[in-house]
Amino acid sequence: NLRVVYVYMVKVDVWYETGHLDYDDNIEVKGALKSGFKIKGYDIKINGVDGGLIHSEGDITIINNVNGATIFSRGHISANFIHGSTVSCLGNLYVEKEIVDSTVDCSGSCQVSSGKIINSKITANQGIHAKNIGNEKTGSNLIVVGQDAFVKKELIRIEKQIIEAEKDRALLEKKKEMLLAENAEKQTSSTRDANELNRLLDQQRSMEEALGELEAASDQDESRQIRTLKADLKQREIKYSRLDTRLNELFDEMEKNEAQRGEIEDNCDRLEDLIEDLNQERENYIEWTEANQGAVTVIAEGNVCNGTIIQGRHATKEIKQTVSNVRLIECRLPGETDDTNIFEIQIHDNIKKR
């Protein structure tokens, strides 16, 4: 099967000249993303990132370096090195050289193939494979494995959005009910005013007929009766005009309310669709977690320096003395009964180097 892939190509840096990039399909940037600017798309390929924010619904490929940026991906992320950044992904994170002064959350694994992790917090559900973790001159690392911080945060975000959407929908439903009640009152008033208009119209016709008869029978100047009748007729015409104006205003207000109610119903439908989509997204994440159980494993082919903290699902271990070429795994300790659940992070030596 053939599939057409659309790519939005940018040959310069993403900054003042280009503005933010927001594209539903793939994006390729030959330059770098600059601080204060954003890129949002599906698969994103970029030369470098010097600040700013990237949000991808697919994979992100960064040819060179990431400095001081926020990166979010619902796929995999690859980069040369990551400094002073916040990185989150549903897939794996592949880094060639190093992760320094950064925070990483990934549902997959974190792999620093030939470099090191320094002064960072890394949470990787499927484990970590690095050359070196820490060094003797910098702060310690917190390494969390077997826990899916990415999905947890996404589920919290989704729950907040659902609550907000349901709150907004409830407010709109209340507003719709108020408009319905208001229009019901206006309908009652308009019916009353219409009946009064009809009554005034009948009176005017009768008075006009009577005035015509009096004027036809009188061969003298206007009598007091004629003048009184004309004045009375004038007052009724004024009252009729006022009632007619008020009735038209009521009809206009009812029409506006009805149009507003239609807009509210459209917004309620959109919120209903949003809530349905969010519930489906939540179910997808739950299914993902069930299908991708974490691995409480840390592999370092070089050194894991002292001060490094390894945290699994049930146990935590601080490395007191630098160890080399090791595999750290969380193990359940044997107990007196099968119901005993005591865990520890164990260090295993002599793993095979790649």
Protein backbone atom coordinates (compact mmCIF):
# COMPACT_ATOMS: atom_id res chain seq x y z
CA ASN A 1 0.00 0.00 0.00
CA LEU A 2 1.19 3.47 -0.90
CA ARG A 3 0.90 6.34 1.57
CA VAL A 4 1.46 10.00 0.82
CA VAL A 5 3.59 11.69 3.47
CA TYR A 6 3.52 15.47 3.64
CA VAL A 7 6.63 17.22 4.96
CA TYR A 8 6.82 20.92 5.80
CA MET A 9 10.40 21.94 5.08
CA VAL A 10 12.11 24.91 6.79
CA LYS A 11 15.64 25.69 5.63
CA VAL A 12 16.47 28.28 8.29
CA ASP A 13 16.31 28.59 12.07
CA VAL A 14 12.89 28.70 13.70
CA TRP A 15 12.78 32.15 15.27
CA TYR A 16 11.50 35.65 14.44
CA GLU A 17 11.76 35.13 10.69
CA THR A 18 9.54 32.03 10.70
CA GLY A 19 7.49 32.40 13.89
CA HIS A 20 6.09 29.31 15.59
CA LEU A 21 5.54 26.19 13.48
CA ASP A 22 2.23 24.31 13.82
CA TYR A 23 1.58 21.63 11.18
CA ASP A 24 -0.52 18.46 11.34
CA ASP A 25 1.96 16.38 9.33
CA ASN A 26 5.75 15.98 9.36
CA ILE A 27 8.19 18.85 9.80
CA GLU A 28 11.85 19.03 8.83
CA VAL A 29 14.00 21.96 9.96
CA LYS A 30 17.48 22.39 8.49
CA GLY A 31 18.34 24.99 11.13
CA ALA A 32 17.73 25.10 14.89
CA LEU A 33 14.83 25.94 17.16
CA LYS A 34 15.57 29.14 19.08
CA SER A 35 14.50 30.10 22.61
CA GLY A 36 10.95 31.41 22.94
CA PHE A 37 9.63 29.59 19.85
CA LYS A 38 7.57 26.43 19.41
CA ILE A 39 7.27 23.59 16.93
CA LYS A 40 4.21 21.35 16.87
CA GLY A 41 3.71 18.55 14.36
CA TYR A 42 3.81 14.79 13.78
CA ASP A 43 7.26 13.36 13.01
CA ILE A 44 9.77 16.17 13.51
CA LYS A 45 13.37 16.23 12.29
CA ILE A 46 15.58 19.18 13.23
CA ASN A 47 19.26 20.03 13.18
CA GLY A 48 19.48 21.41 16.73
CA VAL A 49 17.48 22.87 19.61
CA ASP A 50 18.68 25.98 21.48
CA GLY A 51 15.74 26.52 23.82
CA GLY A 52 12.07 26.59 22.92
CA LEU A 53 9.46 23.86 22.93
CA ILE A 54 8.78 20.89 20.64
CA HIS A 55 5.52 18.93 20.79
CA SER A 56 5.28 15.89 18.53
CA GLU A 57 2.51 13.37 17.98
CA GLY A 58 5.12 11.05 16.44
CA ASP A 59 8.91 10.72 16.62
CA ILE A 60 11.49 13.49 17.12
CA THR A 61 14.94 13.28 15.54
CA ILE A 62 17.47 15.92 16.65
CA ILE A 63 20.66 15.63 14.59
CA ASN A 64 22.85 17.56 16.99
CA ASN A 65 22.25 18.98 20.45
CA VAL A 66 19.46 20.02 22.81
CA ASN A 67 20.09 22.95 25.15
CA GLY A 68 17.59 24.47 27.61
CA ALA A 69 14.51 23.11 25.84
CA THR A 70 11.23 21.33 26.59
CA ILE A 71 10.62 18.30 24.37
CA PHE A 72 7.41 16.21 24.30
CA SER A 73 6.81 13.24 22.01
CA ARG A 74 4.20 10.51 21.71
CA GLY A 75 6.84 8.46 19.89
CA HIS A 76 10.62 8.04 20.20
CA ILE A 77 13.22 10.78 20.62
CA SER A 78 16.83 10.72 19.46
CA ALA A 79 19.52 13.36 20.00
CA ASN A 80 23.28 13.81 20.15
CA PHE A 81 23.31 15.23 23.67
CA ILE A 82 20.81 16.86 26.04
CA HIS A 83 21.76 19.70 28.40
CA GLY A 84 19.53 21.57 30.88
CA SER A 85 16.29 20.32 29.34
CA THR A 86 13.01 18.60 30.15
CA VAL A 87 12.29 15.61 27.91
CA SER A 88 9.15 13.43 27.89
CA CYS A 89 8.23 10.63 25.51
CA LEU A 90 5.92 7.65 25.19
CA GLY A 91 8.59 5.65 23.37
CA ASN A 92 12.36 5.32 23.85
CA LEU A 93 14.95 8.05 24.30
CA TYR A 94 18.19 7.52 22.34
CA VAL A 95 21.11 9.82 23.18
CA GLU A 96 24.53 9.43 21.61
CA LYS A 97 26.79 11.32 24.03
CA GLU A 98 25.34 12.58 27.30
CA ILE A 99 22.41 13.80 29.38
CA VAL A 100 23.42 16.64 31.74
CA ASP A 101 21.37 18.72 34.22
CA SER A 102 18.11 17.43 32.74
CA THR A 103 14.83 15.74 33.66
CA VAL A 104 13.65 12.81 31.54
CA ASP A 105 10.40 10.84 31.66
CA CYS A 106 9.91 8.04 29.15
CA SER A 107 7.55 5.10 28.94
CA GLY A 108 10.15 3.15 26.99
CA SER A 109 13.86 2.87 27.74
CA CYS A 110 16.59 5.50 28.03
CA GLN A 111 19.71 4.60 26.09
CA VAL A 112 22.90 6.68 26.24
CA SER A 113 24.94 4.51 23.95
CA SER A 114 28.47 5.88 24.30
CA GLY A 115 28.17 8.65 26.86
CA LYS A 116 27.09 9.48 30.38
CA ILE A 117 24.27 10.70 32.58
CA ILE A 118 25.29 13.60 34.84
CA ASN A 119 23.35 15.45 37.56
CA SER A 120 19.96 14.44 36.12
CA LYS A 121 16.70 12.78 37.08
CA ILE A 122 15.84 10.00 34.63
CA THR A 123 12.59 8.04 34.87
CA ALA A 124 12.48 5.21 32.32
CA ASN A 125 9.75 2.58 32.52
CA GLN A 126 11.66 0.04 30.41
CA GLY A 127 15.03 0.59 32.09
CA ILE A 128 18.25 2.43 31.37
CA HIS A 129 21.32 1.43 29.36
CA ALA A 130 24.25 3.85 29.56
CA LYS A 131 28.01 3.93 29.35
CA ASN A 132 28.53 5.93 32.57
CA ILE A 133 26.15 7.21 35.24
CA GLY A 134 27.58 10.15 37.13
CA ASN A 135 31.15 11.26 37.77
CA GLU A 136 33.19 12.18 40.80
CA LYS A 137 32.97 15.97 40.34
CA THR A 138 29.24 16.67 39.87
CA GLY A 139 25.99 16.17 41.78
CA SER A 140 24.32 12.80 42.03
CA ASN A 141 21.74 11.32 39.66
CA LEU A 142 18.30 9.99 40.52
CA ILE A 143 17.53 6.98 38.33
CA VAL A 144 13.95 5.70 38.47
CA VAL A 145 13.11 2.52 36.55
CA GLY A 146 10.03 0.34 36.21
CA GLN A 147 7.74 3.34 36.73
CA ASP A 148 5.88 5.12 33.97
CA ALA A 149 6.00 8.79 34.95
CA PHE A 150 5.08 9.87 31.41
CA VAL A 151 1.75 8.01 31.41
CA LYS A 152 1.02 9.03 35.01
CA LYS A 153 1.40 12.69 34.09
CA GLU A 154 -0.68 12.22 30.95
CA LEU A 155 -3.47 10.54 32.93
CA ILE A 156 -3.45 13.43 35.42
CA ARG A 157 -3.62 15.91 32.53
CA ILE A 158 -6.49 14.02 30.91
CA GLU A 159 -8.42 13.82 34.20
CA LYS A 160 -8.04 17.58 34.72
CA GLN A 161 -9.21 18.27 31.17
CA ILE A 162 -12.24 16.00 31.61
CA ILE A 163 -13.18 17.75 34.86
CA GLU A 164 -12.81 21.18 33.22
CA ALA A 165 -14.80 20.11 30.15
CA GLU A 166 -17.60 18.67 32.28
CA LYS A 167 -17.64 21.83 34.39
CA ASP A 168 -17.85 24.00 31.25
CA ARG A 169 -20.61 21.81 29.82
CA ALA A 170 -22.62 22.03 33.08
CA LEU A 171 -22.33 25.84 33.02
CA LEU A 172 -23.47 25.92 29.40
CA GLU A 173 -26.42 23.63 30.16
CA LYS A 174 -27.41 25.96 33.02
CA LYS A 175 -27.14 28.98 30.71
CA LYS A 176 -29.27 27.16 28.12
CA GLU A 177 -31.96 26.47 30.73
CA MET A 178 -31.90 30.14 31.77
CA LEU A 179 -32.38 31.21 28.15
CA LEU A 180 -35.27 28.78 27.75
CA ALA A 181 -36.93 30.12 30.92
CA GLU A 182 -36.29 33.71 29.80
CA ASN A 183 -37.83 33.04 26.39
CA ALA A 184 -40.83 31.37 28.03
CA GLU A 185 -41.42 34.56 30.05
CA LYS A 186 -40.96 36.70 26.96
CA GLN A 187 -43.39 34.47 25.07
CA THR A 188 -46.01 35.04 27.78
CA SER A 189 -45.38 38.80 27.67
CA SER A 190 -45.52 38.89 23.87
CA THR A 191 -48.81 36.97 23.86
CA ARG A 192 -50.26 39.41 26.39
CA ASP A 193 -48.99 42.43 24.38
CA ALA A 194 -50.29 40.95 21.11
CA ASN A 195 -53.75 40.48 22.65
CA GLU A 196 -53.63 44.06 23.94
CA LEU A 197 -52.64 45.29 20.46
CA ASN A 198 -55.56 43.46 18.91
CA ARG A 199 -57.92 44.97 21.51
CA LEU A 200 -56.54 48.47 20.86
CA LEU A 201 -56.82 47.93 17.12
CA ASP A 202 -60.49 46.94 17.47
CA GLN A 203 -61.12 50.02 19.64
CA GLN A 204 -59.38 52.27 17.13
CA ARG A 205 -61.50 50.93 14.30
CA SER A 206 -64.71 51.46 16.29
CA MET A 207 -63.65 54.97 17.30
CA GLU A 208 -62.64 55.85 13.74
CA GLU A 209 -66.04 54.70 12.50
CA ALA A 210 -67.80 56.74 15.21
CA LEU A 211 -65.63 59.77 14.41
CA GLY A 212 -66.46 59.47 10.74
CA GLU A 213 -70.17 59.37 11.48
CA LEU A 214 -69.98 62.40 13.79
CA GLU A 215 -67.96 64.42 11.29
CA ALA A 216 -70.39 63.53 8.51
CA ALA A 217 -73.42 64.54 10.59
CA SER A 218 -71.91 67.82 11.81
CA ASP A 219 -72.18 70.83 9.49
CA GLN A 220 -70.63 73.13 12.09
CA ASP A 221 -67.18 73.44 13.62
CA GLU A 222 -65.82 70.50 15.57
CA SER A 223 -67.95 69.74 18.57
CA ARG A 224 -66.53 68.93 21.98
CA GLN A 225 -67.48 65.28 21.40
CA ILE A 226 -65.46 65.14 18.18
CA ARG A 227 -62.44 66.80 19.81
CA THR A 228 -62.64 64.44 22.77
CA LEU A 229 -62.93 61.44 20.46
CA LYS A 230 -59.93 62.58 18.40
CA ALA A 231 -57.82 63.10 21.54
CA ASP A 232 -58.81 59.69 22.86
CA LEU A 233 -58.00 58.12 19.50
CA LYS A 234 -54.59 59.83 19.47
CA GLN A 235 -53.77 58.43 22.94
CA ARG A 236 -54.69 54.95 21.78
CA GLU A 237 -52.51 55.32 18.69
CA ILE A 238 -49.56 56.32 20.92
CA LYS A 239 -50.21 53.35 23.21
CA TYR A 240 -50.52 51.06 20.19
CA SER A 241 -47.20 52.31 18.78
CA ARG A 242 -45.44 51.78 22.12
CA LEU A 243 -46.87 48.29 22.48
CA ASP A 244 -45.95 47.44 18.90
CA THR A 245 -42.35 48.64 19.48
CA ARG A 246 -42.09 46.65 22.71
CA LEU A 247 -43.50 43.54 21.01
CA ASN A 248 -40.93 43.80 18.20
CA GLU A 249 -38.17 44.22 20.80
CA LEU A 250 -39.42 41.10 22.58
CA PHE A 251 -39.35 39.16 19.31
CA ASP A 252 -35.78 40.40 18.62
CA GLU A 253 -34.65 39.39 22.12
CA MET A 254 -36.28 35.97 21.76
CA GLU A 255 -34.56 35.50 18.41
CA LYS A 256 -31.18 36.46 19.87
CA ASN A 257 -31.71 34.11 22.81
CA GLU A 258 -32.63 31.32 20.44
CA ALA A 259 -29.49 31.96 18.36
CA GLN A 260 -27.38 31.99 21.55
CA ARG A 261 -29.03 28.77 22.68
CA GLY A 262 -28.10 27.19 19.33
CA GLU A 263 -24.46 28.26 19.81
CA ILE A 264 -24.52 26.83 23.34
CA GLU A 265 -25.87 23.51 22.03
CA ASP A 266 -23.07 23.42 19.43
CA ASN A 267 -20.48 24.10 22.16
CA CYS A 268 -22.04 21.42 24.36
CA ASP A 269 -21.77 18.95 21.46
CA ARG A 270 -18.10 19.90 20.97
CA LEU A 271 -17.41 19.45 24.69
CA GLU A 272 -19.19 16.09 24.58
CA ASP A 273 -16.94 15.02 21.71
CA LEU A 274 -13.88 16.30 23.60
CA ILE A 275 -14.84 14.34 26.73
CA GLU A 276 -15.38 11.23 24.62
CA ASP A 277 -11.97 11.68 22.97
CA LEU A 278 -10.29 12.24 26.34
CA ASN A 279 -11.91 9.12 27.79
CA GLN A 280 -10.69 7.15 24.78
CA GLU A 281 -7.19 8.61 25.17
CA ARG A 282 -7.23 7.58 28.83
CA GLU A 283 -8.28 4.04 27.89
CA ASN A 284 -5.50 3.91 25.29
CA TYR A 285 -2.91 4.90 27.89
CA ILE A 286 -4.24 2.32 30.36
CA GLU A 287 -4.07 -0.37 27.67
CA TRP A 288 -0.53 0.79 26.81
CA THR A 289 0.60 0.42 30.44
CA GLU A 290 -0.94 -3.01 30.71
CA ALA A 291 0.79 -4.13 27.50
CA ASN A 292 4.16 -2.51 28.37
CA GLN A 293 5.05 -3.56 31.87
CA GLY A 294 8.19 -1.86 33.11
CA ALA A 295 11.67 -3.31 33.54
CA VAL A 296 13.49 -2.47 36.77
CA THR A 297 16.92 -2.72 35.16
CA VAL A 298 19.89 -0.36 34.91
CA ILE A 299 22.88 -1.36 32.77
CA ALA A 300 26.13 0.59 32.89
CA GLU A 301 29.05 -0.65 30.81
CA GLY A 302 31.32 1.94 32.39
CA ASN A 303 30.88 3.35 35.90
CA VAL A 304 27.96 4.00 38.22
CA CYS A 305 29.43 6.62 40.53
CA ASN A 306 28.91 6.86 44.25
CA GLY A 307 25.94 9.01 45.26
CA THR A 308 23.78 7.68 42.41
CA ILE A 309 20.30 6.73 43.65
CA ILE A 310 18.50 3.85 41.93
CA GLN A 311 14.77 3.66 42.58
CA GLY A 312 12.61 0.76 41.43
CA ARG A 313 8.95 -0.04 42.00
CA HIS A 314 9.46 -1.24 45.57
CA ALA A 315 13.06 -0.60 46.59
CA THR A 316 15.63 2.18 46.51
CA LYS A 317 19.43 1.92 46.65
CA GLU A 318 22.11 4.57 46.94
CA ILE A 319 25.45 3.59 45.45
CA LYS A 320 28.00 4.16 48.21
CA GLN A 321 31.05 3.18 46.19
CA THR A 322 31.63 3.49 42.44
CA VAL A 323 30.96 0.22 40.60
CA SER A 324 31.86 -0.70 37.02
CA ASN A 325 30.37 -2.82 34.27
CA VAL A 326 27.23 -3.71 36.19
CA ARG A 327 23.58 -4.57 35.86
CA LEU A 328 21.30 -3.34 38.67
CA ILE A 329 17.95 -5.05 39.05
CA GLU A 330 15.16 -5.07 41.61
CA CYS A 331 14.65 -8.51 43.15
CA ARG A 332 12.10 -9.96 45.51
CA LEU A 333 13.81 -11.55 48.49
CA PRO A 334 12.78 -15.02 49.61
CA GLY A 335 10.69 -15.02 52.77
CA GLU A 336 9.13 -17.45 55.14
CA THR A 337 5.92 -17.45 53.10
CA ASP A 338 5.02 -16.75 49.50
CA ASP A 339 3.11 -13.67 50.70
CA THR A 340 6.26 -11.96 51.91
CA ASN A 341 7.07 -8.99 49.69
CA ILE A 342 10.53 -7.65 50.49
CA PHE A 343 12.54 -6.18 47.61
CA GLU A 344 16.02 -4.82 47.12
CA ILE A 345 18.13 -3.39 44.30
CA GLN A 346 20.90 -5.89 43.59
CA ILE A 347 24.16 -5.30 41.72
CA HIS A 348 25.26 -7.97 39.29
CA ASP A 349 28.74 -7.93 37.75
CA ASN A 350 30.33 -9.34 34.64
CA ILE A 351 27.71 -8.38 32.08
CA LYS A 352 28.74 -8.76 28.46
CA LYS A 353 29.87 -5.51 26.87
CA ARG A 354 28.32 -4.49 23.58
